[in-house]
């Protein structure tokens, strides 16, 4: 049986539904896309994800809890998000 999005750490049914509404249907697809692009896809699909959603996805695809992310990791994610949104 393949892994479901909701089976990843931090991602319950609601987060999985948000990702699926953005066309992200599997953990493999989520890992391939990366947390920032997945966050942006969810936003583009009309959802309003919080930064905690970004932390949850970033940690979840590494099989970690969101509160294990260091401030440096969060800063890198913020910087990547800022870089992508400013270039659009």
N, C-alpha and C. Protein backbone atom coordinates (compact mmCIF):
# COMPACT_ATOMS: atom_id res chain seq x y z
N UNK A 1 0.84 -1.17 0.00
CA UNK A 1 0.00 0.00 0.00
C UNK A 1 0.89 1.24 0.00
N UNK A 2 0.51 2.22 -0.81
CA UNK A 2 1.32 3.43 -0.87
C UNK A 2 0.98 4.37 0.28
N UNK A 3 1.93 5.18 0.62
CA UNK A 3 1.79 6.15 1.70
C UNK A 3 0.81 7.24 1.27
N UNK A 4 0.00 7.69 2.21
CA UNK A 4 -0.93 8.78 1.95
C UNK A 4 -0.37 10.08 2.52
N UNK A 5 -0.80 11.21 1.95
CA UNK A 5 -0.36 12.50 2.46
C UNK A 5 -0.67 12.63 3.95
N UNK A 6 -1.86 12.22 4.35
CA UNK A 6 -2.27 12.36 5.75
C UNK A 6 -1.47 11.47 6.69
N UNK A 7 -0.70 10.53 6.15
CA UNK A 7 0.14 9.67 6.98
C UNK A 7 1.47 10.32 7.35
N UNK A 8 1.83 11.40 6.66
CA UNK A 8 3.08 12.09 6.97
C UNK A 8 2.94 12.80 8.31
N UNK A 9 4.05 12.93 9.06
CA UNK A 9 3.99 13.69 10.31
C UNK A 9 3.46 15.10 10.03
N UNK A 10 2.65 15.61 10.91
CA UNK A 10 2.11 16.97 10.88
C UNK A 10 0.95 17.17 9.92
N UNK A 11 0.73 16.24 9.00
CA UNK A 11 -0.29 16.46 7.97
C UNK A 11 -1.50 15.56 8.24
N UNK A 12 -2.52 16.17 8.75
CA UNK A 12 -3.76 15.44 8.97
C UNK A 12 -4.63 15.51 7.73
N UNK A 13 -5.89 15.12 7.89
CA UNK A 13 -6.81 15.09 6.75
C UNK A 13 -7.02 16.48 6.14
N UNK A 14 -7.13 17.51 6.96
CA UNK A 14 -7.37 18.86 6.43
C UNK A 14 -6.19 19.33 5.58
N UNK A 15 -4.98 19.14 6.06
CA UNK A 15 -3.81 19.53 5.27
C UNK A 15 -3.72 18.71 3.99
N UNK A 16 -4.02 17.43 4.09
CA UNK A 16 -4.01 16.57 2.91
C UNK A 16 -5.04 17.04 1.90
N UNK A 17 -6.22 17.44 2.36
CA UNK A 17 -7.25 17.95 1.46
C UNK A 17 -6.80 19.22 0.77
N UNK A 18 -6.12 20.10 1.50
CA UNK A 18 -5.61 21.34 0.90
C UNK A 18 -4.60 21.02 -0.21
N UNK A 19 -3.71 20.09 0.08
CA UNK A 19 -2.71 19.70 -0.91
C UNK A 19 -3.37 19.04 -2.12
N UNK A 20 -4.32 18.16 -1.86
CA UNK A 20 -5.00 17.47 -2.96
C UNK A 20 -5.79 18.45 -3.82
N UNK A 21 -6.39 19.48 -3.22
CA UNK A 21 -7.11 20.50 -3.97
C UNK A 21 -6.16 21.28 -4.90
N UNK A 22 -4.88 21.30 -4.53
CA UNK A 22 -3.86 21.96 -5.35
C UNK A 22 -3.24 20.99 -6.35
N UNK A 23 -3.74 19.77 -6.42
CA UNK A 23 -3.24 18.79 -7.39
C UNK A 23 -2.10 17.94 -6.89
N UNK A 24 -1.78 18.05 -5.61
CA UNK A 24 -0.69 17.27 -5.02
C UNK A 24 -1.33 16.06 -4.34
N UNK A 25 -1.10 14.89 -4.89
CA UNK A 25 -1.87 13.71 -4.49
C UNK A 25 -1.09 12.64 -3.72
N UNK A 26 0.23 12.77 -3.66
CA UNK A 26 1.01 11.72 -2.99
C UNK A 26 2.21 12.34 -2.27
N UNK A 27 2.72 11.63 -1.27
CA UNK A 27 3.93 12.09 -0.60
C UNK A 27 5.11 12.22 -1.58
N UNK A 28 5.18 11.31 -2.55
CA UNK A 28 6.27 11.38 -3.53
C UNK A 28 6.20 12.67 -4.33
N UNK A 29 4.99 13.01 -4.75
CA UNK A 29 4.80 14.25 -5.51
C UNK A 29 5.12 15.46 -4.63
N UNK A 30 4.72 15.41 -3.37
CA UNK A 30 4.99 16.50 -2.43
C UNK A 30 6.49 16.66 -2.22
N UNK A 31 7.19 15.56 -2.03
CA UNK A 31 8.65 15.62 -1.84
C UNK A 31 9.34 16.18 -3.09
N UNK A 32 8.87 15.76 -4.25
CA UNK A 32 9.46 16.21 -5.51
C UNK A 32 9.24 17.72 -5.70
N UNK A 33 8.07 18.19 -5.36
CA UNK A 33 7.74 19.60 -5.51
C UNK A 33 8.49 20.47 -4.50
N UNK A 34 8.59 19.97 -3.28
CA UNK A 34 9.24 20.73 -2.21
C UNK A 34 8.23 21.55 -1.44
N UNK A 35 8.57 21.92 -0.22
CA UNK A 35 7.60 22.59 0.66
C UNK A 35 7.16 23.96 0.18
N UNK A 36 8.06 24.76 -0.34
CA UNK A 36 7.70 26.12 -0.75
C UNK A 36 6.79 26.09 -1.98
N UNK A 37 7.13 25.29 -2.96
CA UNK A 37 6.30 25.21 -4.16
C UNK A 37 4.94 24.59 -3.82
N UNK A 38 4.90 23.65 -2.90
CA UNK A 38 3.63 23.07 -2.48
C UNK A 38 2.79 24.13 -1.77
N UNK A 39 3.40 24.91 -0.90
CA UNK A 39 2.72 26.02 -0.21
C UNK A 39 2.11 26.98 -1.23
N UNK A 40 2.90 27.35 -2.23
CA UNK A 40 2.42 28.28 -3.25
C UNK A 40 1.30 27.66 -4.09
N UNK A 41 1.40 26.38 -4.37
CA UNK A 41 0.34 25.70 -5.13
C UNK A 41 -0.97 25.70 -4.35
N UNK A 42 -0.88 25.47 -3.05
CA UNK A 42 -2.07 25.50 -2.21
C UNK A 42 -2.67 26.90 -2.19
N UNK A 43 -1.82 27.89 -2.09
CA UNK A 43 -2.29 29.28 -2.12
C UNK A 43 -2.95 29.61 -3.46
N UNK A 44 -2.31 29.18 -4.54
CA UNK A 44 -2.84 29.43 -5.87
C UNK A 44 -4.18 28.72 -6.10
N UNK A 45 -4.39 27.63 -5.40
CA UNK A 45 -5.65 26.88 -5.51
C UNK A 45 -6.78 27.53 -4.71
N UNK A 46 -6.50 28.68 -4.11
CA UNK A 46 -7.54 29.41 -3.41
C UNK A 46 -7.60 29.17 -1.91
N UNK A 47 -6.66 28.41 -1.39
CA UNK A 47 -6.60 28.17 0.05
C UNK A 47 -5.78 29.29 0.70
N UNK A 48 -5.84 29.37 2.01
CA UNK A 48 -5.07 30.38 2.74
C UNK A 48 -4.18 29.70 3.78
N UNK A 49 -3.10 29.02 3.30
CA UNK A 49 -2.26 28.30 4.26
C UNK A 49 -1.44 29.27 5.13
N UNK A 50 -1.25 28.88 6.35
CA UNK A 50 -0.43 29.68 7.28
C UNK A 50 1.04 29.30 7.12
N UNK A 51 1.88 30.05 7.78
CA UNK A 51 3.30 29.69 7.79
C UNK A 51 3.48 28.37 8.54
N UNK A 52 2.63 28.09 9.51
CA UNK A 52 2.72 26.80 10.20
C UNK A 52 2.47 25.65 9.24
N UNK A 53 1.63 25.87 8.23
CA UNK A 53 1.41 24.85 7.20
C UNK A 53 2.72 24.60 6.46
N UNK A 54 3.44 25.67 6.14
CA UNK A 54 4.74 25.53 5.46
C UNK A 54 5.71 24.75 6.34
N UNK A 55 5.76 25.08 7.62
CA UNK A 55 6.66 24.35 8.53
C UNK A 55 6.25 22.88 8.60
N UNK A 56 4.96 22.63 8.68
CA UNK A 56 4.45 21.26 8.78
C UNK A 56 4.84 20.44 7.55
N UNK A 57 4.68 21.03 6.37
CA UNK A 57 5.04 20.33 5.14
C UNK A 57 6.55 20.10 5.08
N UNK A 58 7.32 21.15 5.37
CA UNK A 58 8.79 21.04 5.29
C UNK A 58 9.31 19.94 6.21
N UNK A 59 8.80 19.89 7.42
CA UNK A 59 9.24 18.87 8.36
C UNK A 59 8.64 17.51 8.01
N UNK A 60 7.39 17.49 7.63
CA UNK A 60 6.70 16.24 7.35
C UNK A 60 7.35 15.43 6.24
N UNK A 61 7.81 16.10 5.19
CA UNK A 61 8.44 15.36 4.10
C UNK A 61 9.80 14.79 4.50
N UNK A 62 10.30 15.25 5.65
CA UNK A 62 11.54 14.70 6.21
C UNK A 62 11.23 13.75 7.37
N UNK A 63 9.96 13.42 7.54
CA UNK A 63 9.51 12.57 8.66
C UNK A 63 9.92 13.13 10.02
N UNK A 64 9.77 14.46 10.14
CA UNK A 64 10.06 15.16 11.40
C UNK A 64 8.81 15.91 11.85
N UNK A 65 8.78 16.28 13.11
CA UNK A 65 7.71 17.13 13.61
C UNK A 65 8.02 18.58 13.28
N UNK A 66 6.98 19.37 13.05
CA UNK A 66 7.19 20.76 12.63
C UNK A 66 7.98 21.57 13.65
N UNK A 67 7.79 21.28 14.92
CA UNK A 67 8.48 22.07 15.95
C UNK A 67 9.95 21.68 16.12
N UNK A 68 10.40 20.72 15.32
CA UNK A 68 11.83 20.36 15.30
C UNK A 68 12.61 21.22 14.32
N UNK A 69 11.91 22.00 13.48
CA UNK A 69 12.63 22.86 12.54
C UNK A 69 13.35 23.96 13.31
N UNK A 70 14.59 24.20 12.96
CA UNK A 70 15.35 25.27 13.60
C UNK A 70 14.95 26.61 13.01
N UNK A 71 15.29 27.67 13.69
CA UNK A 71 15.02 29.02 13.16
C UNK A 71 15.77 29.23 11.84
N UNK A 72 16.97 28.66 11.72
CA UNK A 72 17.71 28.76 10.46
C UNK A 72 16.95 28.10 9.32
N UNK A 73 16.36 26.93 9.58
CA UNK A 73 15.58 26.25 8.54
C UNK A 73 14.36 27.08 8.16
N UNK A 74 13.69 27.65 9.15
CA UNK A 74 12.52 28.50 8.87
C UNK A 74 12.95 29.74 8.08
N UNK A 75 14.09 30.32 8.45
CA UNK A 75 14.59 31.50 7.72
C UNK A 75 14.88 31.16 6.26
N UNK A 76 15.44 29.97 6.00
CA UNK A 76 15.72 29.55 4.62
C UNK A 76 14.41 29.37 3.84
N UNK A 77 13.42 28.79 4.48
CA UNK A 77 12.12 28.63 3.83
C UNK A 77 11.48 29.98 3.53
N UNK A 78 11.54 30.91 4.49
CA UNK A 78 11.00 32.26 4.27
C UNK A 78 11.72 32.95 3.12
N UNK A 79 13.03 32.81 3.09
CA UNK A 79 13.82 33.45 2.03
C UNK A 79 13.48 32.86 0.67
N UNK A 80 13.33 31.55 0.59
CA UNK A 80 12.96 30.91 -0.67
C UNK A 80 11.58 31.38 -1.12
N UNK A 81 10.64 31.43 -0.19
CA UNK A 81 9.29 31.89 -0.49
C UNK A 81 9.32 33.34 -0.99
N UNK A 82 10.06 34.18 -0.30
CA UNK A 82 10.18 35.59 -0.69
C UNK A 82 10.79 35.72 -2.09
N UNK A 83 11.85 34.97 -2.35
CA UNK A 83 12.52 35.03 -3.65
C UNK A 83 11.58 34.63 -4.78
N UNK A 84 10.82 33.58 -4.57
CA UNK A 84 9.91 33.11 -5.62
C UNK A 84 8.77 34.10 -5.82
N UNK A 85 8.18 34.59 -4.73
CA UNK A 85 7.03 35.48 -4.90
C UNK A 85 7.44 36.84 -5.45
N UNK A 86 8.65 37.29 -5.15
CA UNK A 86 9.11 38.57 -5.69
C UNK A 86 9.45 38.49 -7.16
N UNK A 87 9.77 37.29 -7.64
CA UNK A 87 10.14 37.12 -9.05
C UNK A 87 8.93 36.86 -9.94
N UNK A 88 7.75 36.75 -9.35
CA UNK A 88 6.54 36.47 -10.14
C UNK A 88 5.90 37.75 -10.60
